Amino acid sequence: MLSIGSIVIRVDNLERQMVFWQAALGYEPRHEPVDDFVILQPPSGDGTCISLDRVPAPIQIPPRLHLDLYTDEQDAEVQRLLGLGATRVEWSKRPADADYVILADPEGNRFCVVDTAGPGNSPSSPAEG
């Protein structure tokens, strides 16, 4: 049986992205970062990690992979992430009643903040375009 150990995000500026994702998720480095790679993990050490891999590359739009971050305080979390340097991404196919908000980290890597407090508490995941 397999499980997801880490989701890898390619970045240009390892330090800036490490600061953003640590603040966004409350994660901490598993080990001291090396020149081009760091694994961020939940403080407990349990759960899926985020690995940042410095490999400068153009951003593919739409991305083939993105994170869905779940919260029952969507508005507050979106504002917090915007304050950390995230930007809002507008998408013409996003329904008006969508339970997600599309953001991008400081380097443009997209992720969604999904509202888990809404009706039914079953988040949907967009096939963003």
Protein backbone atom coordinates (compact mmCIF):
# COMPACT_ATOMS: atom_id res chain seq x y z
CA MET A 1 0.00 0.00 0.00
CA LEU A 2 1.25 3.47 -0.86
CA SER A 3 0.71 6.77 0.88
CA ILE A 4 1.65 10.32 -0.02
CA GLY A 5 4.76 11.26 1.91
CA SER A 6 5.48 14.62 0.33
CA ILE A 7 4.14 16.93 -2.31
CA VAL A 8 7.00 18.63 -4.17
CA ILE A 9 6.80 22.25 -5.29
CA ARG A 10 9.48 23.50 -7.67
CA VAL A 11 10.68 26.98 -6.67
CA ASP A 12 13.13 29.67 -7.75
CA ASN A 13 13.82 31.20 -4.31
CA LEU A 14 14.05 28.44 -1.70
CA GLU A 15 14.34 30.75 1.32
CA ARG A 16 11.35 32.95 0.40
CA GLN A 17 9.15 29.97 -0.40
CA MET A 18 10.22 28.16 2.79
CA VAL A 19 9.22 31.18 4.88
CA PHE A 20 5.85 31.44 3.09
CA TRP A 21 4.87 27.77 3.40
CA GLN A 22 6.08 27.51 7.02
CA ALA A 23 3.90 30.49 7.93
CA ALA A 24 0.97 29.31 5.79
CA LEU A 25 0.84 25.77 7.17
CA GLY A 26 2.69 25.96 10.51
CA TYR A 27 5.14 23.38 9.18
CA GLU A 28 8.80 23.10 10.13
CA PRO A 29 11.88 21.77 8.33
CA ARG A 30 12.50 18.06 8.86
CA HIS A 31 16.26 18.72 8.55
CA GLU A 32 18.33 21.80 7.87
CA PRO A 33 17.74 22.88 4.26
CA VAL A 34 20.46 22.14 1.75
CA ASP A 35 21.29 24.57 -1.06
CA ASP A 36 18.39 23.51 -3.25
CA PHE A 37 15.96 21.36 -1.23
CA VAL A 38 14.00 21.26 2.01
CA ILE A 39 11.24 19.04 3.39
CA LEU A 40 8.63 20.81 5.52
CA GLN A 41 6.56 18.66 7.84
CA PRO A 42 3.77 19.10 10.38
CA PRO A 43 5.19 19.83 13.87
CA SER A 44 4.07 16.39 15.05
CA GLY A 45 6.05 14.75 12.26
CA ASP A 46 2.89 12.93 11.15
CA GLY A 47 1.10 13.69 7.91
CA THR A 48 1.89 14.76 4.39
CA CYS A 49 5.00 16.88 3.91
CA ILE A 50 5.65 19.70 1.47
CA SER A 51 9.05 19.53 -0.24
CA LEU A 52 10.52 22.62 -1.88
CA ASP A 53 12.94 21.90 -4.70
CA ARG A 54 14.89 24.80 -6.19
CA VAL A 55 14.67 24.18 -9.93
CA PRO A 56 14.03 27.42 -11.81
CA ALA A 57 11.39 26.74 -14.44
CA PRO A 58 8.56 28.59 -16.11
CA ILE A 59 5.17 28.17 -14.50
CA GLN A 60 2.78 26.00 -16.50
CA ILE A 61 -0.71 27.49 -16.79
CA PRO A 62 -2.91 25.79 -15.94
CA PRO A 63 -0.79 23.83 -13.47
CA ARG A 64 -0.98 20.07 -13.62
CA LEU A 65 -0.91 19.84 -9.83
CA HIS A 66 -2.05 22.11 -7.02
CA LEU A 67 -2.76 21.90 -3.31
CA ASP A 68 -6.24 22.04 -1.80
CA LEU A 69 -5.96 23.46 1.73
CA TYR A 70 -9.04 22.75 3.87
CA THR A 71 -10.35 25.14 6.53
CA ASP A 72 -13.56 25.95 8.33
CA GLU A 73 -12.48 29.62 8.48
CA GLN A 74 -12.01 30.34 4.79
CA ASP A 75 -12.30 34.14 4.82
CA ALA A 76 -9.84 34.53 7.70
CA GLU A 77 -7.35 32.09 6.15
CA VAL A 78 -7.53 33.74 2.73
CA GLN A 79 -6.82 37.12 4.33
CA ARG A 80 -3.94 35.65 6.39
CA LEU A 81 -2.38 34.05 3.30
CA LEU A 82 -2.76 37.26 1.28
CA GLY A 83 -0.95 39.03 4.13
CA LEU A 84 1.89 36.49 3.86
CA GLY A 85 2.39 37.30 0.17
CA ALA A 86 -0.14 35.10 -1.64
CA THR A 87 -2.13 36.60 -4.50
CA ARG A 88 -5.69 35.95 -5.62
CA VAL A 89 -6.12 34.11 -8.94
CA GLU A 90 -9.22 34.87 -10.98
CA TRP A 91 -10.59 32.02 -13.08
CA SER A 92 -13.48 32.60 -15.47
CA LYS A 93 -14.88 29.07 -14.96
CA ARG A 94 -15.13 29.34 -11.16
CA PRO A 95 -18.82 29.06 -10.20
CA ALA A 96 -20.27 31.90 -8.11
CA ASP A 97 -21.13 29.44 -5.32
CA ALA A 98 -17.74 27.67 -5.35
CA ASP A 99 -16.46 26.47 -1.97
CA TYR A 100 -12.87 27.30 -2.93
CA VAL A 101 -10.75 30.41 -3.48
CA ILE A 102 -7.78 30.15 -5.82
CA LEU A 103 -4.54 31.74 -4.60
CA ALA A 104 -0.91 31.65 -5.69
CA ASP A 105 2.18 31.64 -3.48
CA PRO A 106 4.83 34.37 -3.96
CA GLU A 107 6.24 32.59 -7.02
CA GLY A 108 2.88 31.95 -8.68
CA ASN A 109 2.34 28.31 -7.65
CA ARG A 110 -1.43 27.93 -7.35
CA PHE A 111 -3.38 26.42 -4.48
CA CYS A 112 -6.99 26.46 -3.34
CA VAL A 113 -8.39 27.36 0.07
CA VAL A 114 -11.46 25.15 0.43
CA ASP A 115 -14.30 25.95 2.83
CA THR A 116 -15.12 22.86 4.92
CA ALA A 117 -17.71 24.70 7.06
CA GLY A 118 -20.24 25.10 4.24
CA PRO A 119 -23.33 22.97 3.51
CA GLY A 120 -22.55 19.29 3.61
CA ASN A 121 -18.91 19.84 4.60
CA SER A 122 -17.79 17.91 1.51
CA PRO A 123 -15.27 20.06 -0.34
CA SER A 124 -15.10 19.96 -4.09
CA SER A 125 -11.85 20.18 -5.99
CA PRO A 126 -11.84 22.27 -9.14
CA ALA A 127 -10.31 21.18 -12.40
CA GLU A 128 -8.82 24.64 -12.71
CA GLY A 129 -8.08 25.95 -16.17
